[in-house]
Structures are given as structure tokens and as C-alpha cells.
Amino acid sequence: MPLFKKRAVGKPGEWYYCLEHKKVEEGPQCPAKDRFGPYASRAEAEHAMETARERNLEWENDPKWHDSSTRAEDG
């Protein structure tokens, strides 16, 4: 067991959304694997899950992410 816990270091005013605790945090309080961010404002961090859903839909519908063999099978 380590003697000292390694703390995440961030810049003042950075906001994160913690996926583990489902809450907004100022500064990185949880490990990087458990958070989205940094965001410039608390409001942006509060909408992190909505932003992720919107981006996922955009990527799923982006023709650049689908190769021609997949489209040929679907058609």
C-alpha cells in the first residue's frame, strides 16, 4: 500500500463531471477514468451526459465513421 495518495492536479476554474458519483466537481477530485472534462464552467459540466449523448448520435450518423463494406451489407 502506498504511503501517499497520488492526487490529480488541475487548474483553478476547471470543472469535471464524475461518472462514479454522478456529480459536478471543481478540479479533478476523482481518477481520470471516472470523469468527463475539463469544462470551462459548472453549467457545461452539469450537461456533460447530454453533450456525450448528442456527440454519440452525431458520430453514429456520420458517414465518415462507416466504411463502404458496412453500407453495402445494410443496403
PDB file of N, CA and C in Angstrom:
ATOM      1  N   MET A   1       0.846  -1.180   0.000  1.00  0.00           N
ATOM      2  CA  MET A   1       0.000   0.000   0.000  1.00  0.00           C
ATOM      3  C   MET A   1       0.887   1.236   0.000  1.00  0.00           C
ATOM      4  N   PRO A   2       0.610   2.194  -0.902  1.00  0.00           N
ATOM      5  CA  PRO A   2       1.437   3.398  -0.959  1.00  0.00           C
ATOM      6  C   PRO A   2       1.257   4.266   0.281  1.00  0.00           C
ATOM      7  N   LEU A   3       2.328   4.946   0.632  1.00  0.00           N
ATOM      8  CA  LEU A   3       2.271   5.839   1.790  1.00  0.00           C
ATOM      9  C   LEU A   3       1.508   7.118   1.492  1.00  0.00           C
ATOM     10  N   PHE A   4       1.625   7.574   0.238  1.00  0.00           N
ATOM     11  CA  PHE A   4       0.980   8.826  -0.137  1.00  0.00           C
ATOM     12  C   PHE A   4       0.026   8.576  -1.284  1.00  0.00           C
ATOM     13  N   LYS A   5      -1.162   9.134  -1.161  1.00  0.00           N
ATOM     14  CA  LYS A   5      -2.147   9.011  -2.233  1.00  0.00           C
ATOM     15  C   LYS A   5      -1.822  10.032  -3.310  1.00  0.00           C
ATOM     16  N   LYS A   6      -1.728   9.569  -4.551  1.00  0.00           N
ATOM     17  CA  LYS A   6      -1.455  10.469  -5.667  1.00  0.00           C
ATOM     18  C   LYS A   6      -2.716  11.271  -5.980  1.00  0.00           C
ATOM     19  N   ARG A   7      -2.612  12.585  -5.924  1.00  0.00           N
ATOM     20  CA  ARG A   7      -3.758  13.453  -6.175  1.00  0.00           C
ATOM     21  C   ARG A   7      -3.708  13.983  -7.590  1.00  0.00           C
ATOM     22  N   ALA A   8      -4.857  14.076  -8.202  1.00  0.00           N
ATOM     23  CA  ALA A   8      -4.961  14.686  -9.523  1.00  0.00           C
ATOM     24  C   ALA A   8      -4.821  16.192  -9.371  1.00  0.00           C
ATOM     25  N   VAL A   9      -4.097  16.793 -10.278  1.00  0.00           N
ATOM     26  CA  VAL A   9      -3.865  18.230 -10.206  1.00  0.00           C
ATOM     27  C   VAL A   9      -4.530  18.900 -11.399  1.00  0.00           C
ATOM     28  N   GLY A  10      -5.277  19.941 -11.132  1.00  0.00           N
ATOM     29  CA  GLY A  10      -5.936  20.689 -12.186  1.00  0.00           C
ATOM     30  C   GLY A  10      -5.710  22.177 -12.016  1.00  0.00           C
ATOM     31  N   LYS A  11      -6.232  22.915 -12.967  1.00  0.00           N
ATOM     32  CA  LYS A  11      -6.119  24.368 -12.917  1.00  0.00           C
ATOM     33  C   LYS A  11      -7.359  24.942 -12.227  1.00  0.00           C
ATOM     34  N   PRO A  12      -7.208  26.055 -11.550  1.00  0.00           N
ATOM     35  CA  PRO A  12      -8.386  26.684 -10.926  1.00  0.00           C
ATOM     36  C   PRO A  12      -9.446  27.011 -11.977  1.00  0.00           C
ATOM     37  N   GLY A  13     -10.684  26.783 -11.634  1.00  0.00           N
ATOM     38  CA  GLY A  13     -11.778  27.089 -12.551  1.00  0.00           C
ATOM     39  C   GLY A  13     -12.112  25.972 -13.522  1.00  0.00           C
ATOM     40  N   GLU A  14     -11.443  24.821 -13.436  1.00  0.00           N
ATOM     41  CA  GLU A  14     -11.780  23.696 -14.290  1.00  0.00           C
ATOM     42  C   GLU A  14     -12.875  22.876 -13.609  1.00  0.00           C
ATOM     43  N   TRP A  15     -13.842  22.465 -14.384  1.00  0.00           N
ATOM     44  CA  TRP A  15     -14.969  21.698 -13.869  1.00  0.00           C
ATOM     45  C   TRP A  15     -15.006  20.331 -14.531  1.00  0.00           C
ATOM     46  N   TYR A  16     -15.423  19.331 -13.772  1.00  0.00           N
ATOM     47  CA  TYR A  16     -15.481  17.956 -14.249  1.00  0.00           C
ATOM     48  C   TYR A  16     -16.820  17.345 -13.871  1.00  0.00           C
ATOM     49  N   TYR A  17     -17.224  16.325 -14.624  1.00  0.00           N
ATOM     50  CA  TYR A  17     -18.397  15.550 -14.252  1.00  0.00           C
ATOM     51  C   TYR A  17     -17.909  14.167 -13.872  1.00  0.00           C
ATOM     52  N   CYS A  18     -18.160  13.757 -12.637  1.00  0.00           N
ATOM     53  CA  CYS A  18     -17.724  12.457 -12.134  1.00  0.00           C
ATOM     54  C   CYS A  18     -18.769  11.405 -12.496  1.00  0.00           C
ATOM     55  N   LEU A  19     -18.359  10.404 -13.258  1.00  0.00           N
ATOM     56  CA  LEU A  19     -19.248   9.326 -13.669  1.00  0.00           C
ATOM     57  C   LEU A  19     -19.557   8.377 -12.515  1.00  0.00           C
ATOM     58  N   GLU A  20     -18.643   8.261 -11.592  1.00  0.00           N
ATOM     59  CA  GLU A  20     -18.813   7.373 -10.441  1.00  0.00           C
ATOM     60  C   GLU A  20     -19.855   7.936  -9.473  1.00  0.00           C
ATOM     61  N   HIS A  21     -19.724   9.215  -9.136  1.00  0.00           N
ATOM     62  CA  HIS A  21     -20.610   9.845  -8.154  1.00  0.00           C
ATOM     63  C   HIS A  21     -21.793  10.587  -8.783  1.00  0.00           C
ATOM     64  N   LYS A  22     -21.745  10.721 -10.116  1.00  0.00           N
ATOM     65  CA  LYS A  22     -22.786  11.432 -10.874  1.00  0.00           C
ATOM     66  C   LYS A  22     -23.005  12.844 -10.351  1.00  0.00           C
ATOM     67  N   LYS A  23     -21.870  13.561 -10.222  1.00  0.00           N
ATOM     68  CA  LYS A  23     -21.960  14.940  -9.755  1.00  0.00           C
ATOM     69  C   LYS A  23     -20.839  15.770 -10.372  1.00  0.00           C
ATOM     70  N   VAL A  24     -21.023  17.079 -10.306  1.00  0.00           N
ATOM     71  CA  VAL A  24     -20.047  18.033 -10.825  1.00  0.00           C
ATOM     72  C   VAL A  24     -19.017  18.316  -9.743  1.00  0.00           C
ATOM     73  N   GLU A  25     -17.749  18.393 -10.159  1.00  0.00           N
ATOM     74  CA  GLU A  25     -16.658  18.673  -9.220  1.00  0.00           C
ATOM     75  C   GLU A  25     -15.804  19.810  -9.760  1.00  0.00           C
ATOM     76  N   GLU A  26     -15.378  20.678  -8.870  1.00  0.00           N
ATOM     77  CA  GLU A  26     -14.421  21.708  -9.280  1.00  0.00           C
ATOM     78  C   GLU A  26     -13.035  21.143  -9.048  1.00  0.00           C
ATOM     79  N   GLY A  27     -12.269  21.091 -10.125  1.00  0.00           N
ATOM     80  CA  GLY A  27     -10.956  20.454 -10.042  1.00  0.00           C
ATOM     81  C   GLY A  27     -11.106  18.956 -10.105  1.00  0.00           C
ATOM     82  N   PRO A  28     -10.079  18.260 -10.564  1.00  0.00           N
ATOM     83  CA  PRO A  28     -10.185  16.807 -10.676  1.00  0.00           C
ATOM     84  C   PRO A  28     -10.074  16.139  -9.306  1.00  0.00           C
ATOM     85  N   GLN A  29     -11.195  15.707  -8.760  1.00  0.00           N
ATOM     86  CA  GLN A  29     -11.201  15.063  -7.453  1.00  0.00           C
ATOM     87  C   GLN A  29     -11.186  13.540  -7.569  1.00  0.00           C
ATOM     88  N   CYS A  30     -11.700  13.029  -8.669  1.00  0.00           N
ATOM     89  CA  CYS A  30     -11.745  11.591  -8.887  1.00  0.00           C
ATOM     90  C   CYS A  30     -10.768  11.209 -10.000  1.00  0.00           C
ATOM     91  N   PRO A  31     -10.421   9.926 -10.111  1.00  0.00           N
ATOM     92  CA  PRO A  31      -9.485   9.491 -11.157  1.00  0.00           C
ATOM     93  C   PRO A  31      -9.999   9.816 -12.561  1.00  0.00           C
ATOM     94  N   ALA A  32      -9.092   9.998 -13.497  1.00  0.00           N
ATOM     95  CA  ALA A  32      -9.442  10.372 -14.866  1.00  0.00           C
ATOM     96  C   ALA A  32     -10.381   9.353 -15.510  1.00  0.00           C
ATOM     97  N   LYS A  33     -10.245   8.095 -15.167  1.00  0.00           N
ATOM     98  CA  LYS A  33     -11.105   7.069 -15.762  1.00  0.00           C
ATOM     99  C   LYS A  33     -12.567   7.230 -15.359  1.00  0.00           C
ATOM    100  N   ASP A  34     -12.829   7.997 -14.321  1.00  0.00           N
ATOM    101  CA  ASP A  34     -14.185   8.165 -13.803  1.00  0.00           C
ATOM    102  C   ASP A  34     -14.780   9.544 -14.068  1.00  0.00           C
ATOM    103  N   ARG A  35     -14.205  10.308 -14.983  1.00  0.00           N
ATOM    104  CA  ARG A  35     -14.725  11.666 -15.148  1.00  0.00           C
ATOM    105  C   ARG A  35     -14.656  12.149 -16.595  1.00  0.00           C
ATOM    106  N   PHE A  36     -15.530  13.102 -16.910  1.00  0.00           N
ATOM    107  CA  PHE A  36     -15.501  13.852 -18.165  1.00  0.00           C
ATOM    108  C   PHE A  36     -14.991  15.237 -17.834  1.00  0.00           C
ATOM    109  N   GLY A  37     -14.233  15.821 -18.744  1.00  0.00           N
ATOM    110  CA  GLY A  37     -13.774  17.190 -18.549  1.00  0.00           C
ATOM    111  C   GLY A  37     -12.323  17.336 -18.889  1.00  0.00           C
ATOM    112  N   PRO A  38     -11.788  18.501 -18.729  1.00  0.00           N
ATOM    113  CA  PRO A  38     -12.344  19.645 -18.014  1.00  0.00           C
ATOM    114  C   PRO A  38     -13.299  20.476 -18.868  1.00  0.00           C
ATOM    115  N   TYR A  39     -14.198  21.131 -18.184  1.00  0.00           N
ATOM    116  CA  TYR A  39     -15.135  22.073 -18.791  1.00  0.00           C
ATOM    117  C   TYR A  39     -14.815  23.466 -18.265  1.00  0.00           C
ATOM    118  N   ALA A  40     -15.157  24.474 -19.053  1.00  0.00           N
ATOM    119  CA  ALA A  40     -14.853  25.861 -18.695  1.00  0.00           C
ATOM    120  C   ALA A  40     -15.781  26.407 -17.615  1.00  0.00           C
ATOM    121  N   SER A  41     -16.977  25.806 -17.483  1.00  0.00           N
ATOM    122  CA  SER A  41     -17.929  26.312 -16.493  1.00  0.00           C
ATOM    123  C   SER A  41     -18.664  25.163 -15.816  1.00  0.00           C
ATOM    124  N   ARG A  42     -19.241  25.471 -14.687  1.00  0.00           N
ATOM    125  CA  ARG A  42     -20.043  24.481 -13.957  1.00  0.00           C
ATOM    126  C   ARG A  42     -21.230  24.035 -14.804  1.00  0.00           C
ATOM    127  N   ALA A  43     -21.855  24.981 -15.500  1.00  0.00           N
ATOM    128  CA  ALA A  43     -23.023  24.667 -16.326  1.00  0.00           C
ATOM    129  C   ALA A  43     -22.674  23.658 -17.424  1.00  0.00           C
ATOM    130  N   GLU A  44     -21.520  23.826 -18.068  1.00  0.00           N
ATOM    131  CA  GLU A  44     -21.094  22.871 -19.093  1.00  0.00           C
ATOM    132  C   GLU A  44     -20.918  21.486 -18.482  1.00  0.00           C
ATOM    133  N   ALA A  45     -20.309  21.415 -17.319  1.00  0.00           N
ATOM    134  CA  ALA A  45     -20.088  20.130 -16.654  1.00  0.00           C
ATOM    135  C   ALA A  45     -21.418  19.488 -16.252  1.00  0.00           C
ATOM    136  N   GLU A  46     -22.391  20.301 -15.845  1.00  0.00           N
ATOM    137  CA  GLU A  46     -23.696  19.773 -15.468  1.00  0.00           C
ATOM    138  C   GLU A  46     -24.398  19.097 -16.644  1.00  0.00           C
ATOM    139  N   HIS A  47     -24.086  19.530 -17.864  1.00  0.00           N
ATOM    140  CA  HIS A  47     -24.711  18.980 -19.065  1.00  0.00           C
ATOM    141  C   HIS A  47     -23.799  17.977 -19.779  1.00  0.00           C
ATOM    142  N   ALA A  48     -22.814  17.447 -19.088  1.00  0.00           N
ATOM    143  CA  ALA A  48     -21.830  16.540 -19.696  1.00  0.00           C
ATOM    144  C   ALA A  48     -22.479  15.306 -20.313  1.00  0.00           C
ATOM    145  N   MET A  49     -23.434  14.709 -19.634  1.00  0.00           N
ATOM    146  CA  MET A  49     -24.059  13.497 -20.157  1.00  0.00           C
ATOM    147  C   MET A  49     -24.908  13.806 -21.393  1.00  0.00           C
ATOM    148  N   GLU A  50     -25.593  14.942 -21.398  1.00  0.00           N
ATOM    149  CA  GLU A  50     -26.359  15.354 -22.582  1.00  0.00           C
ATOM    150  C   GLU A  50     -25.429  15.586 -23.764  1.00  0.00           C
ATOM    151  N   THR A  51     -24.325  16.267 -23.507  1.00  0.00           N
ATOM    152  CA  THR A  51     -23.343  16.534 -24.553  1.00  0.00           C
ATOM    153  C   THR A  51     -22.800  15.226 -25.116  1.00  0.00           C
ATOM    154  N   ALA A  52     -22.493  14.273 -24.252  1.00  0.00           N
ATOM    155  CA  ALA A  52     -21.983  12.978 -24.697  1.00  0.00           C
ATOM    156  C   ALA A  52     -23.012  12.255 -25.562  1.00  0.00           C
ATOM    157  N   ARG A  53     -24.289  12.265 -25.152  1.00  0.00           N
ATOM    158  CA  ARG A  53     -25.347  11.617 -25.945  1.00  0.00           C
ATOM    159  C   ARG A  53     -25.456  12.256 -27.326  1.00  0.00           C
ATOM    160  N   GLU A  54     -25.431  13.599 -27.370  1.00  0.00           N
ATOM    161  CA  GLU A  54     -25.539  14.305 -28.651  1.00  0.00           C
ATOM    162  C   GLU A  54     -24.356  13.968 -29.556  1.00  0.00           C
ATOM    163  N   ARG A  55     -23.158  13.947 -29.000  1.00  0.00           N
ATOM    164  CA  ARG A  55     -21.977  13.621 -29.802  1.00  0.00           C
ATOM    165  C   ARG A  55     -22.011  12.184 -30.294  1.00  0.00           C
ATOM    166  N   ASN A  56     -22.472  11.270 -29.448  1.00  0.00           N
ATOM    167  CA  ASN A  56     -22.580   9.876 -29.880  1.00  0.00           C
ATOM    168  C   ASN A  56     -23.531   9.739 -31.059  1.00  0.00           C
ATOM    169  N   LEU A  57     -24.665  10.436 -31.024  1.00  0.00           N
ATOM    170  CA  LEU A  57     -25.613  10.399 -32.135  1.00  0.00           C
ATOM    171  C   LEU A  57     -24.991  10.975 -33.402  1.00  0.00           C
ATOM    172  N   GLU A  58     -24.264  12.077 -33.260  1.00  0.00           N
ATOM    173  CA  GLU A  58     -23.589  12.678 -34.415  1.00  0.00           C
ATOM    174  C   GLU A  58     -22.605  11.690 -35.032  1.00  0.00           C
ATOM    175  N   TRP A  59     -21.817  11.029 -34.194  1.00  0.00           N
ATOM    176  CA  TRP A  59     -20.815  10.078 -34.697  1.00  0.00           C
ATOM    177  C   TRP A  59     -21.479   8.857 -35.333  1.00  0.00           C
ATOM    178  N   GLU A  60     -22.554   8.378 -34.735  1.00  0.00           N
ATOM    179  CA  GLU A  60     -23.252   7.220 -35.296  1.00  0.00           C
ATOM    180  C   GLU A  60     -23.827   7.520 -36.668  1.00  0.00           C
ATOM    181  N   ASN A  61     -24.209   8.769 -36.897  1.00  0.00           N
ATOM    182  CA  ASN A  61     -24.806   9.162 -38.174  1.00  0.00           C
ATOM    183  C   ASN A  61     -23.820   9.796 -39.141  1.00  0.00           C
ATOM    184  N   ASP A  62     -22.560   9.869 -38.777  1.00  0.00           N
ATOM    185  CA  ASP A  62     -21.536  10.464 -39.634  1.00  0.00           C
ATOM    186  C   ASP A  62     -21.040   9.423 -40.642  1.00  0.00           C
ATOM    187  N   PRO A  63     -21.211   9.681 -41.937  1.00  0.00           N
ATOM    188  CA  PRO A  63     -20.791   8.687 -42.938  1.00  0.00           C
ATOM    189  C   PRO A  63     -19.286   8.390 -42.916  1.00  0.00           C
ATOM    190  N   LYS A  64     -18.483   9.295 -42.395  1.00  0.00           N
ATOM    191  CA  LYS A  64     -17.033   9.046 -42.328  1.00  0.00           C
ATOM    192  C   LYS A  64     -16.693   7.926 -41.352  1.00  0.00           C
ATOM    193  N   TRP A  65     -17.592   7.611 -40.415  1.00  0.00           N
ATOM    194  CA  TRP A  65     -17.332   6.566 -39.430  1.00  0.00           C
ATOM    195  C   TRP A  65     -17.798   5.195 -39.896  1.00  0.00           C
ATOM    196  N   HIS A  66     -18.436   5.130 -41.041  1.00  0.00           N
ATOM    197  CA  HIS A  66     -18.934   3.854 -41.561  1.00  0.00           C
ATOM    198  C   HIS A  66     -18.199   3.534 -42.852  1.00  0.00           C
ATOM    199  N   ASP A  67     -17.557   2.379 -42.892  1.00  0.00           N
ATOM    200  CA  ASP A  67     -16.837   2.031 -44.129  1.00  0.00           C
ATOM    201  C   ASP A  67     -17.808   1.495 -45.174  1.00  0.00           C
ATOM    202  N   SER A  68     -17.360   1.386 -46.398  1.00  0.00           N
ATOM    203  CA  SER A  68     -18.231   1.005 -47.514  1.00  0.00           C
ATOM    204  C   SER A  68     -18.756  -0.419 -47.380  1.00  0.00           C
ATOM    205  N   SER A  69     -18.013  -1.339 -46.777  1.00  0.00           N
ATOM    206  CA  SER A  69     -18.485  -2.717 -46.636  1.00  0.00           C
ATOM    207  C   SER A  69     -19.695  -2.774 -45.717  1.00  0.00           C
ATOM    208  N   THR A  70     -19.746  -1.963 -44.698  1.00  0.00           N
ATOM    209  CA  THR A  70     -20.891  -1.934 -43.791  1.00  0.00           C
ATOM    210  C   THR A  70     -22.109  -1.393 -44.511  1.00  0.00           C
ATOM    211  N   ARG A  71     -21.936  -0.339 -45.299  1.00  0.00           N
ATOM    212  CA  ARG A  71     -23.059   0.253 -46.030  1.00  0.00           C
ATOM    213  C   ARG A  71     -23.586  -0.719 -47.088  1.00  0.00           C
ATOM    214  N   ALA A  72     -22.711  -1.469 -47.736  1.00  0.00           N
ATOM    215  CA  ALA A  72     -23.138  -2.418 -48.762  1.00  0.00           C
ATOM    216  C   ALA A  72     -23.973  -3.527 -48.134  1.00  0.00           C
ATOM    217  N   GLU A  73     -23.630  -3.978 -46.933  1.00  0.00           N
ATOM    218  CA  GLU A  73     -24.389  -5.022 -46.243  1.00  0.00           C
ATOM    219  C   GLU A  73     -25.753  -4.513 -45.815  1.00  0.00           C
ATOM    220  N   ASP A  74     -25.811  -3.241 -45.402  1.00  0.00           N
ATOM    221  CA  ASP A  74     -27.076  -2.669 -44.945  1.00  0.00           C
ATOM    222  C   ASP A  74     -28.041  -2.431 -46.102  1.00  0.00           C
ATOM    223  N   GLY A  75     -27.542  -2.101 -47.282  1.00  0.00           N
ATOM    224  CA  GLY A  75     -28.359  -1.691 -48.410  1.00  0.00           C
ATOM    225  C   GLY A  75     -28.890  -2.814 -49.140  1.00  0.00           C
TER     226      GLY A  75
END
